[in-house]
Amino acid sequence: MTMWGKEFMAQDIEKVLLSEEEIAKRVQELGDQISADYEGKELIVICVLKGASIFFADLCRSISVHMKMDFMGISSYGDAQKTSGIVKITKDTDTSITGKDVLIVEDIMDSGYTLTYLIKMLKDRQPNSVKVACLLDKPSRREVEITPDYTGFVVPNEFVVGFGLDYAGKYRNLPYIGVLKPEVYSN
């Protein structure tokens, strides 16, 4: 009998790092904190596609203040496991952010190159403020000086997938964050 679905993907996972329940609890806490911080402000929440999409959806549902949502496509990895250092905008925002408070929602902060580039680009558009919410922060891999304003979890230097994070476009739909077995990405 052939295995299908999440059971099939699970065979590539070395261990579950963060459970579905842990993630849901932390996302709600972040939503509460963001709601308090942006009360009475004109908030635009920008999802960095594709990795942050699941976190973004859950986080937006946990934010209780008025906001607008927008999306940006940014690439610095391709199918590689290490950043290329070259950032490419594949989809820009549709909303003007001039004079608005912007919250960038990202799946993971690793080297920091992508978000440093994105923040600089968005600040050139003269918003009131630009802050970053990351589901995962990997400070051990940081190559530029940047820290998320809102952090879900600090994680070790392991190759993580699930809850929007991928390897070569796969594993995004796992409901948890798992560590990918090295033999999956070393071949």
C-alpha atoms as a PDB file:
ATOM      1  CA  MET A   1       0.000   0.000   0.000  1.00  0.00           C
ATOM      2  CA  THR A   2       1.327   3.438  -0.940  1.00  0.00           C
ATOM      3  CA  MET A   3       1.472   6.193   1.686  1.00  0.00           C
ATOM      4  CA  TRP A   4      -0.130   9.497   0.759  1.00  0.00           C
ATOM      5  CA  GLY A   5      -0.613  12.899   2.320  1.00  0.00           C
ATOM      6  CA  LYS A   6       0.934  14.160   5.513  1.00  0.00           C
ATOM      7  CA  GLU A   7       2.009  10.663   6.574  1.00  0.00           C
ATOM      8  CA  PHE A   8       4.124  10.470   3.422  1.00  0.00           C
ATOM      9  CA  MET A   9       5.703  13.886   4.110  1.00  0.00           C
ATOM     10  CA  ALA A  10       6.231  13.006   7.780  1.00  0.00           C
ATOM     11  CA  GLN A  11       8.740  10.315   6.834  1.00  0.00           C
ATOM     12  CA  ASP A  12      11.092  13.144   5.754  1.00  0.00           C
ATOM     13  CA  ILE A  13      10.848  14.869   9.148  1.00  0.00           C
ATOM     14  CA  GLU A  14      13.546  14.132  11.711  1.00  0.00           C
ATOM     15  CA  LYS A  15      11.542  15.631  14.599  1.00  0.00           C
ATOM     16  CA  VAL A  16       8.677  18.001  15.314  1.00  0.00           C
ATOM     17  CA  LEU A  17      10.191  21.220  16.636  1.00  0.00           C
ATOM     18  CA  LEU A  18       6.946  23.151  17.274  1.00  0.00           C
ATOM     19  CA  SER A  19       3.514  21.547  17.475  1.00  0.00           C
ATOM     20  CA  GLU A  20       0.355  22.896  15.894  1.00  0.00           C
ATOM     21  CA  GLU A  21      -0.939  23.784  19.374  1.00  0.00           C
ATOM     22  CA  GLU A  22       2.235  25.640  20.400  1.00  0.00           C
ATOM     23  CA  ILE A  23       2.131  27.673  17.190  1.00  0.00           C
ATOM     24  CA  ALA A  24      -1.569  28.551  17.586  1.00  0.00           C
ATOM     25  CA  LYS A  25      -1.041  29.733  21.172  1.00  0.00           C
ATOM     26  CA  ARG A  26       1.958  31.909  20.267  1.00  0.00           C
ATOM     27  CA  VAL A  27       0.266  33.409  17.192  1.00  0.00           C
ATOM     28  CA  GLN A  28      -2.684  34.488  19.370  1.00  0.00           C
ATOM     29  CA  GLU A  29      -0.272  36.091  21.864  1.00  0.00           C
ATOM     30  CA  LEU A  30       1.427  37.983  19.018  1.00  0.00           C
ATOM     31  CA  GLY A  31      -1.964  39.099  17.687  1.00  0.00           C
ATOM     32  CA  ASP A  32      -2.930  40.441  21.108  1.00  0.00           C
ATOM     33  CA  GLN A  33       0.375  42.336  21.426  1.00  0.00           C
ATOM     34  CA  ILE A  34       0.127  43.780  17.902  1.00  0.00           C
ATOM     35  CA  SER A  35      -3.504  44.807  18.522  1.00  0.00           C
ATOM     36  CA  ALA A  36      -2.484  46.735  21.631  1.00  0.00           C
ATOM     37  CA  ASP A  37       0.494  48.365  19.877  1.00  0.00           C
ATOM     38  CA  TYR A  38      -1.512  49.503  16.825  1.00  0.00           C
ATOM     39  CA  GLU A  39      -4.736  50.614  18.502  1.00  0.00           C
ATOM     40  CA  GLY A  40      -6.001  53.735  16.695  1.00  0.00           C
ATOM     41  CA  LYS A  41      -3.353  53.574  13.951  1.00  0.00           C
ATOM     42  CA  GLU A  42      -3.699  53.033  10.222  1.00  0.00           C
ATOM     43  CA  LEU A  43      -2.126  49.583   9.929  1.00  0.00           C
ATOM     44  CA  ILE A  44      -1.154  47.829   6.723  1.00  0.00           C
ATOM     45  CA  VAL A  45      -0.029  44.230   7.203  1.00  0.00           C
ATOM     46  CA  ILE A  46       2.157  42.912   4.378  1.00  0.00           C
ATOM     47  CA  CYS A  47       2.623  39.196   3.849  1.00  0.00           C
ATOM     48  CA  VAL A  48       5.921  38.078   2.353  1.00  0.00           C
ATOM     49  CA  LEU A  49       4.917  35.330  -0.074  1.00  0.00           C
ATOM     50  CA  LYS A  50       4.884  32.392  -0.144  1.00  0.00           C
ATOM     51  CA  GLY A  51       6.385  31.193   3.123  1.00  0.00           C
ATOM     52  CA  ALA A  52       4.570  33.568   5.473  1.00  0.00           C
ATOM     53  CA  SER A  53       1.094  32.957   4.016  1.00  0.00           C
ATOM     54  CA  ILE A  54      -0.114  30.478   6.647  1.00  0.00           C
ATOM     55  CA  PHE A  55       1.345  32.467   9.553  1.00  0.00           C
ATOM     56  CA  PHE A  56      -0.066  35.662   7.995  1.00  0.00           C
ATOM     57  CA  ALA A  57      -3.600  34.247   7.759  1.00  0.00           C
ATOM     58  CA  ASP A  58      -3.593  33.044  11.368  1.00  0.00           C
ATOM     59  CA  LEU A  59      -1.948  36.224  12.664  1.00  0.00           C
ATOM     60  CA  CYS A  60      -4.409  38.519  10.843  1.00  0.00           C
ATOM     61  CA  ARG A  61      -7.334  36.596  12.329  1.00  0.00           C
ATOM     62  CA  SER A  62      -5.851  37.152  15.803  1.00  0.00           C
ATOM     63  CA  ILE A  63      -5.407  40.926  15.359  1.00  0.00           C
ATOM     64  CA  SER A  64      -8.417  42.839  16.666  1.00  0.00           C
ATOM     65  CA  VAL A  65      -7.785  46.325  15.203  1.00  0.00           C
ATOM     66  CA  HIS A  66      -8.719  47.645  11.765  1.00  0.00           C
ATOM     67  CA  MET A  67      -6.074  46.880   9.163  1.00  0.00           C
ATOM     68  CA  LYS A  68      -5.498  46.470   5.477  1.00  0.00           C
ATOM     69  CA  MET A  69      -3.748  43.442   4.073  1.00  0.00           C
ATOM     70  CA  ASP A  70      -1.312  43.357   1.170  1.00  0.00           C
ATOM     71  CA  PHE A  71       1.213  40.947  -0.296  1.00  0.00           C
ATOM     72  CA  MET A  72       4.764  41.027  -1.625  1.00  0.00           C
ATOM     73  CA  GLY A  73       6.700  38.344  -3.405  1.00  0.00           C
ATOM     74  CA  ILE A  74      10.392  38.339  -2.613  1.00  0.00           C
ATOM     75  CA  SER A  75      12.974  35.793  -3.587  1.00  0.00           C
ATOM     76  CA  SER A  76      16.488  35.290  -2.324  1.00  0.00           C
ATOM     77  CA  TYR A  77      16.699  31.505  -2.130  1.00  0.00           C
ATOM     78  CA  GLY A  78      15.198  29.882  -5.206  1.00  0.00           C
ATOM     79  CA  ASP A  79      15.397  26.135  -4.559  1.00  0.00           C
ATOM     80  CA  ALA A  80      18.668  26.418  -2.651  1.00  0.00           C
ATOM     81  CA  GLN A  81      19.007  25.915   1.084  1.00  0.00           C
ATOM     82  CA  LYS A  82      21.315  28.925   1.558  1.00  0.00           C
ATOM     83  CA  THR A  83      20.474  32.535   0.676  1.00  0.00           C
ATOM     84  CA  SER A  84      21.889  33.825  -2.578  1.00  0.00           C
ATOM     85  CA  GLY A  85      22.299  37.320  -1.099  1.00  0.00           C
ATOM     86  CA  ILE A  86      20.469  38.690  -4.152  1.00  0.00           C
ATOM     87  CA  VAL A  87      16.924  39.869  -3.435  1.00  0.00           C
ATOM     88  CA  LYS A  88      14.362  39.983  -6.227  1.00  0.00           C
ATOM     89  CA  ILE A  89      10.851  41.489  -5.972  1.00  0.00           C
ATOM     90  CA  THR A  90       8.467  39.129  -7.753  1.00  0.00           C
ATOM     91  CA  LYS A  91       5.259  40.909  -6.643  1.00  0.00           C
ATOM     92  CA  ASP A  92       4.995  44.415  -5.206  1.00  0.00           C
ATOM     93  CA  THR A  93       2.285  45.842  -2.938  1.00  0.00           C
ATOM     94  CA  ASP A  94      -0.956  47.160  -4.402  1.00  0.00           C
ATOM     95  CA  THR A  95      -1.535  49.661  -1.569  1.00  0.00           C
ATOM     96  CA  SER A  96       0.195  52.986  -0.941  1.00  0.00           C
ATOM     97  CA  ILE A  97       1.959  52.871   2.430  1.00  0.00           C
ATOM     98  CA  THR A  98       2.848  56.581   2.599  1.00  0.00           C
ATOM     99  CA  GLY A  99       1.950  57.879   6.065  1.00  0.00           C
ATOM    100  CA  LYS A 100       0.736  54.457   7.224  1.00  0.00           C
ATOM    101  CA  ASP A 101       2.064  52.036   9.846  1.00  0.00           C
ATOM    102  CA  VAL A 102       3.428  48.937   8.134  1.00  0.00           C
ATOM    103  CA  LEU A 103       3.861  45.497   9.649  1.00  0.00           C
ATOM    104  CA  ILE A 104       5.827  43.048   7.495  1.00  0.00           C
ATOM    105  CA  VAL A 105       4.910  39.430   8.217  1.00  0.00           C
ATOM    106  CA  GLU A 106       7.675  36.942   7.407  1.00  0.00           C
ATOM    107  CA  ASP A 107       8.025  33.221   8.045  1.00  0.00           C
ATOM    108  CA  ILE A 108      11.665  33.182   9.192  1.00  0.00           C
ATOM    109  CA  MET A 109      14.497  35.599   9.786  1.00  0.00           C
ATOM    110  CA  ASP A 110      17.728  33.849   8.900  1.00  0.00           C
ATOM    111  CA  SER A 111      20.682  35.785   7.461  1.00  0.00           C
ATOM    112  CA  GLY A 112      18.624  38.997   7.580  1.00  0.00           C
ATOM    113  CA  TYR A 113      19.513  40.108   4.047  1.00  0.00           C
ATOM    114  CA  THR A 114      16.006  39.815   2.613  1.00  0.00           C
ATOM    115  CA  LEU A 115      14.291  41.762   5.378  1.00  0.00           C
ATOM    116  CA  THR A 116      17.026  44.412   5.530  1.00  0.00           C
ATOM    117  CA  TYR A 117      16.529  45.023   1.807  1.00  0.00           C
ATOM    118  CA  LEU A 118      12.736  45.012   2.113  1.00  0.00           C
ATOM    119  CA  ILE A 119      12.663  47.412   5.076  1.00  0.00           C
ATOM    120  CA  LYS A 120      14.946  49.881   3.288  1.00  0.00           C
ATOM    121  CA  MET A 121      12.813  49.703   0.145  1.00  0.00           C
ATOM    122  CA  LEU A 122       9.569  50.242   2.076  1.00  0.00           C
ATOM    123  CA  LYS A 123      11.002  53.104   4.166  1.00  0.00           C
ATOM    124  CA  ASP A 124      11.784  54.907   0.898  1.00  0.00           C
ATOM    125  CA  ARG A 125       7.998  55.030   0.382  1.00  0.00           C
ATOM    126  CA  GLN A 126       7.657  57.210   3.523  1.00  0.00           C
ATOM    127  CA  PRO A 127       5.442  55.179   5.834  1.00  0.00           C
ATOM    128  CA  ASN A 128       4.875  56.270   9.441  1.00  0.00           C
ATOM    129  CA  SER A 129       6.659  53.161  10.677  1.00  0.00           C
ATOM    130  CA  VAL A 130       7.878  49.762   9.492  1.00  0.00           C
ATOM    131  CA  LYS A 131       8.041  46.809  11.862  1.00  0.00           C
ATOM    132  CA  VAL A 132       8.562  43.081  11.333  1.00  0.00           C
ATOM    133  CA  ALA A 133       6.712  40.076  12.727  1.00  0.00           C
ATOM    134  CA  CYS A 134       8.485  36.754  12.157  1.00  0.00           C
ATOM    135  CA  LEU A 135       7.155  33.369  13.081  1.00  0.00           C
ATOM    136  CA  LEU A 136      10.701  32.031  13.480  1.00  0.00           C
ATOM    137  CA  ASP A 137      13.968  33.770  14.275  1.00  0.00           C
ATOM    138  CA  LYS A 138      17.317  32.057  13.690  1.00  0.00           C
ATOM    139  CA  PRO A 139      19.794  34.553  15.225  1.00  0.00           C
ATOM    140  CA  SER A 140      22.698  32.096  14.961  1.00  0.00           C
ATOM    141  CA  ARG A 141      22.592  32.559  11.155  1.00  0.00           C
ATOM    142  CA  ARG A 142      22.356  36.376  11.147  1.00  0.00           C
ATOM    143  CA  GLU A 143      24.805  38.083   8.781  1.00  0.00           C
ATOM    144  CA  VAL A 144      23.422  41.637   9.073  1.00  0.00           C
ATOM    145  CA  GLU A 145      22.285  43.555  12.116  1.00  0.00           C
ATOM    146  CA  ILE A 146      18.516  43.209  12.310  1.00  0.00           C
ATOM    147  CA  THR A 147      16.074  41.884  14.903  1.00  0.00           C
ATOM    148  CA  PRO A 148      12.343  41.224  14.450  1.00  0.00           C
ATOM    149  CA  ASP A 149       9.985  43.484  16.400  1.00  0.00           C
ATOM    150  CA  TYR A 150       7.640  40.559  17.045  1.00  0.00           C
ATOM    151  CA  THR A 151       9.011  37.019  17.247  1.00  0.00           C
ATOM    152  CA  GLY A 152       7.043  33.817  17.460  1.00  0.00           C
ATOM    153  CA  PHE A 153       9.895  31.481  18.323  1.00  0.00           C
ATOM    154  CA  VAL A 154      13.683  31.528  18.369  1.00  0.00           C
ATOM    155  CA  VAL A 155      14.878  28.335  16.713  1.00  0.00           C
ATOM    156  CA  PRO A 156      18.232  26.564  16.441  1.00  0.00           C
ATOM    157  CA  ASN A 157      20.233  26.357  13.235  1.00  0.00           C
ATOM    158  CA  GLU A 158      18.343  23.416  11.762  1.00  0.00           C
ATOM    159  CA  PHE A 159      16.563  23.081   8.417  1.00  0.00           C
ATOM    160  CA  VAL A 160      12.915  23.654   9.319  1.00  0.00           C
ATOM    161  CA  VAL A 161       9.796  23.147   7.200  1.00  0.00           C
ATOM    162  CA  GLY A 162       6.044  23.222   7.682  1.00  0.00           C
ATOM    163  CA  PHE A 163       3.461  25.882   8.514  1.00  0.00           C
ATOM    164  CA  GLY A 164       4.371  27.708   5.307  1.00  0.00           C
ATOM    165  CA  LEU A 165       8.118  27.025   5.282  1.00  0.00           C
ATOM    166  CA  ASP A 166       9.318  24.846   2.448  1.00  0.00           C
ATOM    167  CA  TYR A 167      12.138  22.994   0.843  1.00  0.00           C
ATOM    168  CA  ALA A 168      12.004  23.212  -2.972  1.00  0.00           C
ATOM    169  CA  GLY A 169       8.321  24.211  -2.755  1.00  0.00           C
ATOM    170  CA  LYS A 170       7.303  21.199  -0.643  1.00  0.00           C
ATOM    171  CA  TYR A 171       6.194  20.689   2.995  1.00  0.00           C
ATOM    172  CA  ARG A 172       4.459  24.093   3.347  1.00  0.00           C
ATOM    173  CA  ASN A 173       1.167  22.398   4.241  1.00  0.00           C
ATOM    174  CA  LEU A 174       2.431  20.549   7.312  1.00  0.00           C
ATOM    175  CA  PRO A 175       0.503  21.919  10.330  1.00  0.00           C
ATOM    176  CA  TYR A 176       3.633  22.005  12.522  1.00  0.00           C
ATOM    177  CA  ILE A 177       7.286  23.082  12.245  1.00  0.00           C
ATOM    178  CA  GLY A 178       9.548  20.102  11.719  1.00  0.00           C
ATOM    179  CA  VAL A 179      13.246  19.557  11.175  1.00  0.00           C
ATOM    180  CA  LEU A 180      13.913  18.095   7.738  1.00  0.00           C
ATOM    181  CA  LYS A 181      16.134  15.004   7.609  1.00  0.00           C
ATOM    182  CA  PRO A 182      19.541  15.950   6.109  1.00  0.00           C
ATOM    183  CA  GLU A 183      19.366  13.198   3.505  1.00  0.00           C
ATOM    184  CA  VAL A 184      16.317  14.920   1.967  1.00  0.00           C
ATOM    185  CA  TYR A 185      18.204  18.135   1.086  1.00  0.00           C
ATOM    186  CA  SER A 186      21.748  16.757   0.794  1.00  0.00           C
ATOM    187  CA  ASN A 187      21.155  14.672  -2.321  1.00  0.00           C
END
